[in-house]
């Protein structure tokens, strides 16, 4: 049985590195809007006067600072990307739907964050470090 598992993992690795993954475009777009969300969150929190509205993300922010928050958000993105790739093996349309909903929701958050940034006035310099 051990040899069968090793052989299966070998085939999976061979497939992943020789073929395109399903839903690459949707996954890349989800990662892009998620990175924009992380950037907007960092900028708003760095300015002061803004708080993280997601209670789980806020826990990471309070416990480990901005780096902890960024780490949490990247881990969440990774989980969604991996989950949708696994779902796509048997139900590609469901995986596509999950990614499209994720893209839409995160895009709305980015637009809202950008509107907060504009409303707050951006005359003062922003220090990201």
N, C-alpha and C. Protein backbone atom coordinates (compact mmCIF):
# COMPACT_ATOMS: atom_id res chain seq x y z
N UNK A 1 0.82 -1.19 0.00
CA UNK A 1 0.00 0.00 0.00
C UNK A 1 0.87 1.26 0.00
N UNK A 2 1.99 1.24 0.69
CA UNK A 2 2.88 2.39 0.72
C UNK A 2 3.39 2.76 -0.65
N UNK A 3 3.70 1.74 -1.47
CA UNK A 3 4.17 2.00 -2.82
C UNK A 3 3.09 2.63 -3.69
N UNK A 4 1.82 2.23 -3.48
CA UNK A 4 0.72 2.80 -4.25
C UNK A 4 0.57 4.29 -3.94
N UNK A 5 0.63 4.67 -2.67
CA UNK A 5 0.51 6.08 -2.30
C UNK A 5 1.64 6.90 -2.91
N UNK A 6 2.86 6.37 -2.81
CA UNK A 6 3.99 7.08 -3.37
C UNK A 6 3.81 7.25 -4.87
N UNK A 7 3.33 6.21 -5.53
CA UNK A 7 3.11 6.27 -6.97
C UNK A 7 2.04 7.30 -7.31
N UNK A 8 0.95 7.36 -6.55
CA UNK A 8 -0.12 8.32 -6.81
C UNK A 8 0.38 9.75 -6.63
N UNK A 9 1.14 9.99 -5.57
CA UNK A 9 1.67 11.33 -5.36
C UNK A 9 2.62 11.71 -6.49
N UNK A 10 3.37 10.76 -6.98
CA UNK A 10 4.27 11.00 -8.09
C UNK A 10 3.47 11.44 -9.32
N UNK A 11 2.35 10.75 -9.60
CA UNK A 11 1.52 11.12 -10.75
C UNK A 11 0.90 12.50 -10.58
N UNK A 12 0.47 12.82 -9.38
CA UNK A 12 -0.11 14.14 -9.12
C UNK A 12 0.94 15.22 -9.36
N UNK A 13 2.14 15.03 -8.82
CA UNK A 13 3.21 16.00 -9.03
C UNK A 13 3.57 16.14 -10.49
N UNK A 14 3.61 15.02 -11.20
CA UNK A 14 3.92 15.04 -12.62
C UNK A 14 2.85 15.82 -13.39
N UNK A 15 1.58 15.63 -13.02
CA UNK A 15 0.49 16.34 -13.67
C UNK A 15 0.57 17.84 -13.39
N UNK A 16 0.79 18.21 -12.14
CA UNK A 16 0.79 19.62 -11.77
C UNK A 16 1.87 20.42 -12.46
N UNK A 17 3.00 19.81 -12.70
CA UNK A 17 4.12 20.56 -13.27
C UNK A 17 4.20 20.46 -14.79
N UNK A 18 3.36 19.67 -15.41
CA UNK A 18 3.39 19.55 -16.86
C UNK A 18 2.15 20.11 -17.54
N UNK A 19 1.10 20.35 -16.80
CA UNK A 19 -0.16 20.80 -17.37
C UNK A 19 -0.63 22.06 -16.67
N UNK A 20 -1.44 22.81 -17.38
CA UNK A 20 -2.06 23.99 -16.77
C UNK A 20 -3.07 23.53 -15.73
N UNK A 21 -3.18 24.31 -14.67
CA UNK A 21 -4.19 24.01 -13.67
C UNK A 21 -5.56 24.46 -14.17
N UNK A 22 -6.61 23.82 -13.71
CA UNK A 22 -7.94 24.29 -14.10
C UNK A 22 -8.20 25.67 -13.49
N UNK A 23 -8.93 26.49 -14.20
CA UNK A 23 -9.36 27.80 -13.70
C UNK A 23 -8.20 28.74 -13.38
N UNK A 24 -7.15 28.67 -14.17
CA UNK A 24 -5.99 29.55 -13.90
C UNK A 24 -6.37 31.02 -13.97
N UNK A 25 -7.16 31.40 -14.95
CA UNK A 25 -7.53 32.81 -15.10
C UNK A 25 -8.32 33.29 -13.89
N UNK A 26 -9.33 32.52 -13.49
CA UNK A 26 -10.15 32.89 -12.34
C UNK A 26 -9.32 32.93 -11.06
N UNK A 27 -8.43 31.96 -10.90
CA UNK A 27 -7.59 31.92 -9.72
C UNK A 27 -6.65 33.11 -9.68
N UNK A 28 -6.04 33.43 -10.81
CA UNK A 28 -5.14 34.59 -10.87
C UNK A 28 -5.88 35.89 -10.56
N UNK A 29 -7.09 36.03 -11.08
CA UNK A 29 -7.89 37.23 -10.80
C UNK A 29 -8.25 37.31 -9.32
N UNK A 30 -8.59 36.17 -8.72
CA UNK A 30 -8.89 36.15 -7.28
C UNK A 30 -7.66 36.57 -6.47
N UNK A 31 -6.50 36.06 -6.84
CA UNK A 31 -5.26 36.43 -6.14
C UNK A 31 -4.99 37.93 -6.32
N UNK A 32 -5.19 38.45 -7.52
CA UNK A 32 -4.96 39.87 -7.77
C UNK A 32 -5.84 40.76 -6.90
N UNK A 33 -7.15 40.50 -6.88
CA UNK A 33 -8.02 41.36 -6.07
C UNK A 33 -7.75 41.17 -4.58
N UNK A 34 -7.31 39.98 -4.19
CA UNK A 34 -6.96 39.74 -2.79
C UNK A 34 -5.72 40.53 -2.39
N UNK A 35 -4.74 40.60 -3.28
CA UNK A 35 -3.53 41.39 -3.02
C UNK A 35 -3.91 42.87 -2.92
N UNK A 36 -4.80 43.33 -3.79
CA UNK A 36 -5.28 44.72 -3.70
C UNK A 36 -5.97 44.97 -2.36
N UNK A 37 -6.74 43.99 -1.89
CA UNK A 37 -7.39 44.11 -0.58
C UNK A 37 -6.35 44.24 0.53
N UNK A 38 -5.31 43.42 0.46
CA UNK A 38 -4.25 43.47 1.47
C UNK A 38 -3.55 44.83 1.44
N UNK A 39 -3.28 45.32 0.25
CA UNK A 39 -2.62 46.64 0.12
C UNK A 39 -3.51 47.73 0.69
N UNK A 40 -4.79 47.72 0.34
CA UNK A 40 -5.70 48.76 0.84
C UNK A 40 -5.83 48.69 2.36
N UNK A 41 -5.92 47.48 2.89
CA UNK A 41 -6.01 47.32 4.34
C UNK A 41 -4.76 47.88 5.01
N UNK A 42 -3.60 47.55 4.47
CA UNK A 42 -2.33 48.03 5.03
C UNK A 42 -2.28 49.56 5.00
N UNK A 43 -2.67 50.14 3.88
CA UNK A 43 -2.63 51.60 3.73
C UNK A 43 -3.58 52.25 4.73
N UNK A 44 -4.80 51.76 4.82
CA UNK A 44 -5.77 52.38 5.72
C UNK A 44 -5.36 52.25 7.18
N UNK A 45 -4.87 51.09 7.57
CA UNK A 45 -4.45 50.90 8.96
C UNK A 45 -3.20 51.72 9.25
N UNK A 46 -2.31 51.85 8.29
CA UNK A 46 -1.10 52.65 8.47
C UNK A 46 -1.43 54.13 8.67
N UNK A 47 -2.49 54.60 8.04
CA UNK A 47 -2.91 56.00 8.18
C UNK A 47 -3.41 56.29 9.58
N UNK A 48 -3.98 55.29 10.21
CA UNK A 48 -4.59 55.51 11.52
C UNK A 48 -6.05 55.92 11.35
N UNK A 49 -6.83 55.68 12.38
CA UNK A 49 -8.24 56.03 12.32
C UNK A 49 -9.11 54.99 11.65
N UNK A 50 -8.52 53.91 11.16
CA UNK A 50 -9.27 52.84 10.52
C UNK A 50 -9.04 51.56 11.29
N UNK A 51 -10.03 50.70 11.31
CA UNK A 51 -9.92 49.41 11.99
C UNK A 51 -10.26 48.30 11.02
N UNK A 52 -9.80 47.12 11.32
CA UNK A 52 -10.13 45.93 10.52
C UNK A 52 -11.51 45.47 10.97
N UNK A 53 -12.46 45.39 10.05
CA UNK A 53 -13.83 45.04 10.41
C UNK A 53 -14.06 43.53 10.53
N UNK A 54 -13.19 42.72 9.94
CA UNK A 54 -13.29 41.26 10.07
C UNK A 54 -12.74 40.88 11.44
N UNK A 55 -13.56 40.30 12.33
CA UNK A 55 -13.09 40.00 13.69
C UNK A 55 -11.93 39.01 13.74
N UNK A 56 -11.90 38.05 12.84
CA UNK A 56 -10.79 37.08 12.84
C UNK A 56 -9.51 37.78 12.39
N UNK A 57 -9.59 38.55 11.32
CA UNK A 57 -8.42 39.30 10.84
C UNK A 57 -7.97 40.31 11.89
N UNK A 58 -8.94 40.92 12.58
CA UNK A 58 -8.60 41.89 13.62
C UNK A 58 -7.85 41.22 14.78
N UNK A 59 -8.22 39.98 15.09
CA UNK A 59 -7.50 39.24 16.12
C UNK A 59 -6.02 39.11 15.74
N UNK A 60 -5.75 38.75 14.49
CA UNK A 60 -4.37 38.62 14.04
C UNK A 60 -3.65 39.97 14.07
N UNK A 61 -4.38 41.02 13.71
CA UNK A 61 -3.80 42.36 13.74
C UNK A 61 -3.43 42.76 15.17
N UNK A 62 -4.33 42.53 16.10
CA UNK A 62 -4.07 42.91 17.49
C UNK A 62 -2.99 42.03 18.12
N UNK A 63 -2.94 40.79 17.74
CA UNK A 63 -1.98 39.85 18.35
C UNK A 63 -0.58 39.96 17.75
N UNK A 64 -0.49 40.10 16.41
CA UNK A 64 0.81 40.07 15.74
C UNK A 64 1.09 41.29 14.87
N UNK A 65 0.24 42.28 14.93
CA UNK A 65 0.48 43.50 14.17
C UNK A 65 0.11 43.34 12.70
N UNK A 66 0.55 44.32 11.92
CA UNK A 66 0.20 44.33 10.48
C UNK A 66 0.76 43.11 9.75
N UNK A 67 1.93 42.67 10.15
CA UNK A 67 2.51 41.47 9.49
C UNK A 67 1.65 40.24 9.76
N UNK A 68 1.12 40.11 10.97
CA UNK A 68 0.23 39.00 11.28
C UNK A 68 -1.05 39.06 10.47
N UNK A 69 -1.57 40.27 10.29
CA UNK A 69 -2.77 40.46 9.48
C UNK A 69 -2.52 40.06 8.04
N UNK A 70 -1.40 40.49 7.48
CA UNK A 70 -1.06 40.14 6.10
C UNK A 70 -0.88 38.63 5.98
N UNK A 71 -0.21 38.03 6.94
CA UNK A 71 -0.03 36.57 6.92
C UNK A 71 -1.36 35.84 6.95
N UNK A 72 -2.27 36.29 7.80
CA UNK A 72 -3.60 35.68 7.87
C UNK A 72 -4.32 35.80 6.53
N UNK A 73 -4.28 36.99 5.93
CA UNK A 73 -5.00 37.20 4.66
C UNK A 73 -4.39 36.35 3.55
N UNK A 74 -3.07 36.24 3.49
CA UNK A 74 -2.45 35.40 2.47
C UNK A 74 -2.80 33.93 2.70
N UNK A 75 -2.85 33.49 3.95
CA UNK A 75 -3.25 32.10 4.23
C UNK A 75 -4.69 31.85 3.80
N UNK A 76 -5.57 32.82 4.02
CA UNK A 76 -6.97 32.67 3.59
C UNK A 76 -7.05 32.55 2.07
N UNK A 77 -6.27 33.35 1.37
CA UNK A 77 -6.24 33.28 -0.11
C UNK A 77 -5.72 31.91 -0.54
N UNK A 78 -4.68 31.43 0.10
CA UNK A 78 -4.12 30.11 -0.23
C UNK A 78 -5.16 29.01 -0.02
N UNK A 79 -5.91 29.07 1.07
CA UNK A 79 -6.93 28.05 1.35
C UNK A 79 -7.99 28.06 0.26
N UNK A 80 -8.45 29.24 -0.13
CA UNK A 80 -9.47 29.32 -1.19
C UNK A 80 -8.92 28.76 -2.51
N UNK A 81 -7.70 29.12 -2.85
CA UNK A 81 -7.11 28.64 -4.10
C UNK A 81 -6.95 27.12 -4.09
N UNK A 82 -6.46 26.58 -3.02
CA UNK A 82 -6.30 25.12 -2.93
C UNK A 82 -7.65 24.41 -2.93
N UNK A 83 -8.61 24.94 -2.18
CA UNK A 83 -9.93 24.31 -2.11
C UNK A 83 -10.60 24.30 -3.48
N UNK A 84 -10.52 25.40 -4.20
CA UNK A 84 -11.17 25.44 -5.51
C UNK A 84 -10.48 24.52 -6.51
N UNK A 85 -9.17 24.36 -6.40
CA UNK A 85 -8.49 23.41 -7.28
C UNK A 85 -8.93 21.98 -6.98
N UNK A 86 -9.12 21.67 -5.71
CA UNK A 86 -9.59 20.33 -5.34
C UNK A 86 -11.04 20.13 -5.79
N UNK A 87 -11.88 21.14 -5.61
CA UNK A 87 -13.27 21.04 -6.06
C UNK A 87 -13.32 20.86 -7.57
N UNK A 88 -12.44 21.54 -8.29
CA UNK A 88 -12.44 21.51 -9.75
C UNK A 88 -12.16 20.12 -10.31
N UNK A 89 -11.54 19.28 -9.53
CA UNK A 89 -11.26 17.91 -10.01
C UNK A 89 -12.55 17.20 -10.38
N UNK A 90 -13.60 17.38 -9.57
CA UNK A 90 -14.87 16.68 -9.82
C UNK A 90 -15.98 17.61 -10.29
N UNK A 91 -15.93 18.89 -9.87
CA UNK A 91 -17.04 19.81 -10.17
C UNK A 91 -16.48 21.17 -10.57
N UNK A 92 -16.01 21.27 -11.78
CA UNK A 92 -15.32 22.48 -12.22
C UNK A 92 -16.23 23.70 -12.22
N UNK A 93 -17.51 23.51 -12.55
CA UNK A 93 -18.42 24.66 -12.57
C UNK A 93 -18.65 25.21 -11.16
N UNK A 94 -18.72 24.34 -10.17
CA UNK A 94 -18.86 24.79 -8.78
C UNK A 94 -17.60 25.54 -8.34
N UNK A 95 -16.45 25.02 -8.71
CA UNK A 95 -15.19 25.70 -8.36
C UNK A 95 -15.13 27.07 -9.02
N UNK A 96 -15.55 27.16 -10.28
CA UNK A 96 -15.58 28.45 -10.98
C UNK A 96 -16.52 29.42 -10.26
N UNK A 97 -17.69 28.93 -9.85
CA UNK A 97 -18.65 29.77 -9.14
C UNK A 97 -18.08 30.29 -7.83
N UNK A 98 -17.41 29.41 -7.09
CA UNK A 98 -16.79 29.83 -5.82
C UNK A 98 -15.77 30.94 -6.08
N UNK A 99 -14.94 30.79 -7.09
CA UNK A 99 -13.94 31.81 -7.41
C UNK A 99 -14.59 33.11 -7.88
N UNK A 100 -15.63 33.02 -8.70
CA UNK A 100 -16.29 34.23 -9.18
C UNK A 100 -16.98 34.98 -8.05
N UNK A 101 -17.59 34.25 -7.13
CA UNK A 101 -18.19 34.90 -5.96
C UNK A 101 -17.09 35.55 -5.13
N UNK A 102 -15.99 34.84 -4.92
CA UNK A 102 -14.86 35.40 -4.17
C UNK A 102 -14.30 36.65 -4.82
N UNK A 103 -14.15 36.63 -6.14
CA UNK A 103 -13.65 37.79 -6.87
C UNK A 103 -14.60 38.97 -6.67
N UNK A 104 -15.89 38.72 -6.78
CA UNK A 104 -16.89 39.78 -6.64
C UNK A 104 -16.87 40.38 -5.23
N UNK A 105 -16.89 39.52 -4.23
CA UNK A 105 -16.92 40.00 -2.84
C UNK A 105 -15.66 40.79 -2.51
N UNK A 106 -14.51 40.25 -2.84
CA UNK A 106 -13.25 40.94 -2.53
C UNK A 106 -13.14 42.24 -3.33
N UNK A 107 -13.63 42.25 -4.57
CA UNK A 107 -13.61 43.48 -5.36
C UNK A 107 -14.47 44.56 -4.72
N UNK A 108 -15.62 44.19 -4.19
CA UNK A 108 -16.48 45.15 -3.49
C UNK A 108 -15.76 45.70 -2.27
N UNK A 109 -15.06 44.84 -1.53
CA UNK A 109 -14.30 45.28 -0.36
C UNK A 109 -13.20 46.25 -0.77
N UNK A 110 -12.51 45.96 -1.86
CA UNK A 110 -11.43 46.85 -2.34
C UNK A 110 -12.01 48.20 -2.75
N UNK A 111 -13.11 48.20 -3.46
CA UNK A 111 -13.74 49.46 -3.87
C UNK A 111 -14.19 50.26 -2.65
N UNK A 112 -14.78 49.58 -1.68
CA UNK A 112 -15.21 50.26 -0.45
C UNK A 112 -13.99 50.83 0.29
N UNK A 113 -12.93 50.06 0.39
CA UNK A 113 -11.71 50.54 1.07
C UNK A 113 -11.13 51.74 0.34
N UNK A 114 -11.14 51.70 -0.98
CA UNK A 114 -10.62 52.83 -1.75
C UNK A 114 -11.49 54.06 -1.54
N UNK A 115 -12.80 53.87 -1.45
CA UNK A 115 -13.68 55.02 -1.21
C UNK A 115 -13.42 55.61 0.18
N UNK A 116 -13.14 54.77 1.18
CA UNK A 116 -12.78 55.28 2.51
C UNK A 116 -11.49 56.09 2.44
N UNK A 117 -10.54 55.58 1.67
CA UNK A 117 -9.27 56.28 1.49
C UNK A 117 -9.49 57.65 0.88
N UNK A 118 -10.33 57.73 -0.15
CA UNK A 118 -10.60 59.00 -0.81
C UNK A 118 -11.37 59.96 0.10
N UNK A 119 -12.36 59.44 0.83
CA UNK A 119 -13.14 60.28 1.74
C UNK A 119 -12.30 60.85 2.87
N UNK A 120 -11.30 60.09 3.30
CA UNK A 120 -10.45 60.52 4.41
C UNK A 120 -9.50 61.62 3.97
N UNK A 121 -9.39 61.82 2.68
CA UNK A 121 -8.43 62.81 2.17
C UNK A 121 -7.04 62.20 2.19
N UNK A 122 -6.35 62.32 1.11
CA UNK A 122 -5.03 61.69 1.01
C UNK A 122 -3.95 62.75 0.87
N UNK A 123 -4.14 63.90 1.53
CA UNK A 123 -3.15 64.96 1.46
C UNK A 123 -1.91 64.68 2.29
N UNK A 124 -2.06 63.91 3.36
CA UNK A 124 -0.91 63.60 4.20
C UNK A 124 -0.19 62.39 3.65
N UNK A 125 1.14 62.37 3.77
CA UNK A 125 1.89 61.23 3.24
C UNK A 125 1.55 59.93 3.97
N UNK A 126 1.61 58.84 3.25
CA UNK A 126 1.38 57.52 3.82
C UNK A 126 2.72 56.81 3.94
N UNK A 127 2.99 56.32 5.14
CA UNK A 127 4.23 55.57 5.38
C UNK A 127 3.87 54.11 5.55
N UNK A 128 4.33 53.28 4.64
CA UNK A 128 3.96 51.86 4.67
C UNK A 128 4.88 51.03 5.53
N UNK A 129 5.91 51.58 6.06
CA UNK A 129 6.85 50.79 6.86
C UNK A 129 6.59 50.97 8.32
